[in-house]
Amino acid sequence: MDEHIFIALIAALVNLLLAVLVPCALNKTHLSMLDNVKSMFNQQKHMLVTSSVLVAVIVYLSLKAAPLVKAELPDAVLNLAHLGR
């Protein structure tokens, strides 16, 4: 499997987990955490899937475009990355 696809899938999974767990952790209800996660997922299923797919596509395209963009940048811009060393 292409490593860019693998990284994009990992990013989508992290997005999915954080989109469910963070609101559930911050929400103060009488439900247990697992019940809260289930209800959150059932209510926000389409939004969670859509955002995870968007994250995967954006990460994949960014990883594919990074070498092309780096090759086109002038040396003066690339040297800015090495100023702190």
N, C-alpha and C. Protein backbone atom coordinates (compact mmCIF):
# COMPACT_ATOMS: atom_id res chain seq x y z
N MET A 1 0.85 -1.18 0.00
CA MET A 1 0.00 0.00 0.00
C MET A 1 0.89 1.24 0.00
N ASP A 2 0.48 2.20 -0.78
CA ASP A 2 1.21 3.46 -0.84
C ASP A 2 1.23 4.10 0.55
N GLU A 3 2.40 4.56 0.98
CA GLU A 3 2.50 5.11 2.34
C GLU A 3 1.67 6.37 2.51
N HIS A 4 1.44 7.11 1.44
CA HIS A 4 0.60 8.30 1.54
C HIS A 4 -0.85 7.93 1.83
N ILE A 5 -1.33 6.87 1.22
CA ILE A 5 -2.70 6.40 1.49
C ILE A 5 -2.80 5.92 2.93
N PHE A 6 -1.80 5.19 3.39
CA PHE A 6 -1.79 4.70 4.76
C PHE A 6 -1.82 5.85 5.76
N ILE A 7 -1.02 6.87 5.55
CA ILE A 7 -1.00 8.03 6.44
C ILE A 7 -2.33 8.77 6.39
N ALA A 8 -2.93 8.87 5.20
CA ALA A 8 -4.22 9.53 5.07
C ALA A 8 -5.31 8.76 5.82
N LEU A 9 -5.27 7.44 5.76
CA LEU A 9 -6.25 6.63 6.49
C LEU A 9 -6.07 6.77 8.00
N ILE A 10 -4.83 6.81 8.46
CA ILE A 10 -4.57 7.02 9.89
C ILE A 10 -5.09 8.39 10.32
N ALA A 11 -4.87 9.41 9.50
CA ALA A 11 -5.37 10.75 9.81
C ALA A 11 -6.89 10.77 9.88
N ALA A 12 -7.55 10.04 8.99
CA ALA A 12 -9.01 9.98 9.01
C ALA A 12 -9.50 9.28 10.27
N LEU A 13 -8.82 8.21 10.69
CA LEU A 13 -9.21 7.51 11.91
C LEU A 13 -9.00 8.38 13.15
N VAL A 14 -7.90 9.10 13.18
CA VAL A 14 -7.65 10.01 14.31
C VAL A 14 -8.71 11.10 14.35
N ASN A 15 -9.06 11.62 13.17
CA ASN A 15 -10.12 12.63 13.10
C ASN A 15 -11.43 12.07 13.64
N LEU A 16 -11.77 10.86 13.24
CA LEU A 16 -13.01 10.23 13.68
C LEU A 16 -13.02 10.04 15.19
N LEU A 17 -11.92 9.53 15.72
CA LEU A 17 -11.84 9.30 17.17
C LEU A 17 -11.93 10.61 17.96
N LEU A 18 -11.18 11.60 17.53
CA LEU A 18 -11.20 12.87 18.26
C LEU A 18 -12.53 13.59 18.12
N ALA A 19 -13.18 13.47 16.96
CA ALA A 19 -14.48 14.12 16.77
C ALA A 19 -15.55 13.51 17.64
N VAL A 20 -15.38 12.26 18.02
CA VAL A 20 -16.36 11.61 18.91
C VAL A 20 -15.96 11.75 20.37
N LEU A 21 -14.70 11.49 20.68
CA LEU A 21 -14.28 11.43 22.08
C LEU A 21 -14.18 12.79 22.76
N VAL A 22 -13.70 13.80 22.07
CA VAL A 22 -13.52 15.11 22.71
C VAL A 22 -14.86 15.70 23.13
N PRO A 23 -15.88 15.76 22.26
CA PRO A 23 -17.16 16.29 22.75
C PRO A 23 -17.78 15.45 23.86
N CYS A 24 -17.59 14.13 23.80
CA CYS A 24 -18.14 13.27 24.85
C CYS A 24 -17.41 13.48 26.17
N ALA A 25 -16.11 13.72 26.11
CA ALA A 25 -15.35 13.94 27.33
C ALA A 25 -15.69 15.29 27.96
N LEU A 26 -16.02 16.27 27.13
CA LEU A 26 -16.34 17.60 27.65
C LEU A 26 -17.80 17.74 28.05
N ASN A 27 -18.65 16.84 27.56
CA ASN A 27 -20.07 16.91 27.84
C ASN A 27 -20.36 16.30 29.21
N LYS A 28 -21.00 17.04 30.05
CA LYS A 28 -21.33 16.55 31.39
C LYS A 28 -22.78 16.04 31.40
N THR A 29 -22.93 14.71 31.30
CA THR A 29 -24.25 14.10 31.34
C THR A 29 -24.24 12.97 32.36
N HIS A 30 -25.41 12.45 32.61
CA HIS A 30 -25.53 11.33 33.54
C HIS A 30 -25.21 10.00 32.87
N LEU A 31 -25.03 9.99 31.55
CA LEU A 31 -24.72 8.77 30.82
C LEU A 31 -23.25 8.37 31.01
N SER A 32 -22.98 7.08 30.89
CA SER A 32 -21.59 6.63 30.93
C SER A 32 -20.88 7.08 29.66
N MET A 33 -19.57 7.03 29.68
CA MET A 33 -18.79 7.48 28.53
C MET A 33 -19.13 6.66 27.28
N LEU A 34 -19.28 5.35 27.43
CA LEU A 34 -19.58 4.48 26.29
C LEU A 34 -20.96 4.80 25.72
N ASP A 35 -21.95 4.99 26.57
CA ASP A 35 -23.29 5.35 26.09
C ASP A 35 -23.27 6.72 25.41
N ASN A 36 -22.50 7.63 25.96
CA ASN A 36 -22.37 8.95 25.38
C ASN A 36 -21.73 8.88 24.00
N VAL A 37 -20.70 8.05 23.85
CA VAL A 37 -20.03 7.87 22.55
C VAL A 37 -21.00 7.27 21.54
N LYS A 38 -21.76 6.26 21.95
CA LYS A 38 -22.73 5.63 21.04
C LYS A 38 -23.77 6.64 20.57
N SER A 39 -24.32 7.41 21.49
CA SER A 39 -25.35 8.38 21.09
C SER A 39 -24.76 9.48 20.21
N MET A 40 -23.54 9.92 20.52
CA MET A 40 -22.89 10.94 19.71
C MET A 40 -22.66 10.42 18.29
N PHE A 41 -22.19 9.18 18.19
CA PHE A 41 -21.94 8.61 16.86
C PHE A 41 -23.23 8.46 16.08
N ASN A 42 -24.30 8.01 16.73
CA ASN A 42 -25.57 7.85 16.03
C ASN A 42 -26.15 9.18 15.56
N GLN A 43 -25.97 10.23 16.35
CA GLN A 43 -26.52 11.53 16.00
C GLN A 43 -25.69 12.21 14.92
N GLN A 44 -24.39 12.05 14.95
CA GLN A 44 -23.49 12.80 14.07
C GLN A 44 -22.81 11.92 13.01
N LYS A 45 -23.40 10.78 12.69
CA LYS A 45 -22.77 9.80 11.81
C LYS A 45 -22.35 10.39 10.46
N HIS A 46 -23.24 11.08 9.80
CA HIS A 46 -22.94 11.60 8.46
C HIS A 46 -21.87 12.68 8.51
N MET A 47 -21.93 13.54 9.51
CA MET A 47 -20.94 14.60 9.64
C MET A 47 -19.56 14.01 9.95
N LEU A 48 -19.50 13.00 10.78
CA LEU A 48 -18.23 12.37 11.13
C LEU A 48 -17.59 11.68 9.93
N VAL A 49 -18.39 10.98 9.16
CA VAL A 49 -17.86 10.29 7.98
C VAL A 49 -17.39 11.32 6.94
N THR A 50 -18.20 12.36 6.74
CA THR A 50 -17.83 13.39 5.76
C THR A 50 -16.53 14.08 6.15
N SER A 51 -16.39 14.46 7.41
CA SER A 51 -15.17 15.15 7.83
C SER A 51 -13.96 14.22 7.77
N SER A 52 -14.14 12.95 8.07
CA SER A 52 -13.02 12.01 8.00
C SER A 52 -12.58 11.77 6.56
N VAL A 53 -13.52 11.69 5.64
CA VAL A 53 -13.17 11.54 4.23
C VAL A 53 -12.44 12.79 3.74
N LEU A 54 -12.93 13.97 4.12
CA LEU A 54 -12.26 15.21 3.72
C LEU A 54 -10.85 15.28 4.27
N VAL A 55 -10.66 14.89 5.52
CA VAL A 55 -9.32 14.90 6.12
C VAL A 55 -8.41 13.94 5.36
N ALA A 56 -8.90 12.75 5.04
CA ALA A 56 -8.09 11.77 4.31
C ALA A 56 -7.68 12.31 2.94
N VAL A 57 -8.61 12.92 2.22
CA VAL A 57 -8.30 13.44 0.89
C VAL A 57 -7.31 14.60 0.98
N ILE A 58 -7.51 15.51 1.93
CA ILE A 58 -6.62 16.66 2.06
C ILE A 58 -5.21 16.21 2.47
N VAL A 59 -5.10 15.27 3.39
CA VAL A 59 -3.78 14.78 3.80
C VAL A 59 -3.10 14.07 2.64
N TYR A 60 -3.83 13.25 1.91
CA TYR A 60 -3.24 12.54 0.77
C TYR A 60 -2.74 13.53 -0.29
N LEU A 61 -3.57 14.49 -0.65
CA LEU A 61 -3.16 15.47 -1.66
C LEU A 61 -2.00 16.33 -1.18
N SER A 62 -1.98 16.66 0.10
CA SER A 62 -0.87 17.44 0.64
C SER A 62 0.44 16.67 0.59
N LEU A 63 0.39 15.39 0.93
CA LEU A 63 1.60 14.58 0.88
C LEU A 63 2.08 14.37 -0.55
N LYS A 64 1.16 14.26 -1.50
CA LYS A 64 1.55 14.10 -2.90
C LYS A 64 2.10 15.41 -3.47
N ALA A 65 1.56 16.55 -3.04
CA ALA A 65 1.96 17.84 -3.59
C ALA A 65 3.21 18.41 -2.93
N ALA A 66 3.55 17.96 -1.75
CA ALA A 66 4.68 18.54 -1.01
C ALA A 66 6.00 18.50 -1.79
N PRO A 67 6.39 17.39 -2.40
CA PRO A 67 7.66 17.40 -3.16
C PRO A 67 7.62 18.36 -4.35
N LEU A 68 6.48 18.48 -5.00
CA LEU A 68 6.36 19.38 -6.14
C LEU A 68 6.47 20.83 -5.71
N VAL A 69 5.84 21.16 -4.61
CA VAL A 69 5.89 22.54 -4.11
C VAL A 69 7.30 22.86 -3.63
N LYS A 70 7.93 21.92 -2.96
CA LYS A 70 9.29 22.16 -2.47
C LYS A 70 10.27 22.37 -3.62
N ALA A 71 10.09 21.66 -4.70
CA ALA A 71 10.98 21.81 -5.86
C ALA A 71 10.81 23.16 -6.54
N GLU A 72 9.63 23.75 -6.43
CA GLU A 72 9.35 25.03 -7.08
C GLU A 72 9.72 26.24 -6.23
N LEU A 73 9.94 26.05 -4.94
CA LEU A 73 10.26 27.18 -4.07
C LEU A 73 11.66 27.69 -4.33
N PRO A 74 11.85 28.99 -4.27
CA PRO A 74 13.21 29.52 -4.42
C PRO A 74 14.08 29.15 -3.22
N ASP A 75 15.39 29.16 -3.42
CA ASP A 75 16.32 28.77 -2.36
C ASP A 75 16.21 29.69 -1.14
N ALA A 76 15.90 30.96 -1.34
CA ALA A 76 15.79 31.89 -0.22
C ALA A 76 14.68 31.47 0.73
N VAL A 77 13.57 30.98 0.20
CA VAL A 77 12.47 30.53 1.04
C VAL A 77 12.84 29.24 1.75
N LEU A 78 13.52 28.34 1.05
CA LEU A 78 13.93 27.08 1.67
C LEU A 78 14.94 27.29 2.77
N ASN A 79 15.78 28.32 2.65
CA ASN A 79 16.78 28.61 3.69
C ASN A 79 16.13 29.11 4.98
N LEU A 80 14.92 29.62 4.92
CA LEU A 80 14.24 30.08 6.13
C LEU A 80 13.98 28.92 7.10
N ALA A 81 13.82 27.74 6.57
CA ALA A 81 13.59 26.57 7.42
C ALA A 81 14.82 26.21 8.24
N HIS A 82 15.99 26.62 7.80
CA HIS A 82 17.24 26.26 8.46
C HIS A 82 17.78 27.38 9.37
N LEU A 83 17.02 28.46 9.56
CA LEU A 83 17.51 29.57 10.37
C LEU A 83 17.69 29.20 11.84
N GLY A 84 16.82 28.38 12.36
CA GLY A 84 16.89 28.04 13.79
C GLY A 84 17.95 27.03 14.15
N ARG A 85 18.62 26.47 13.21
CA ARG A 85 19.61 25.42 13.50
C ARG A 85 20.96 25.96 13.77
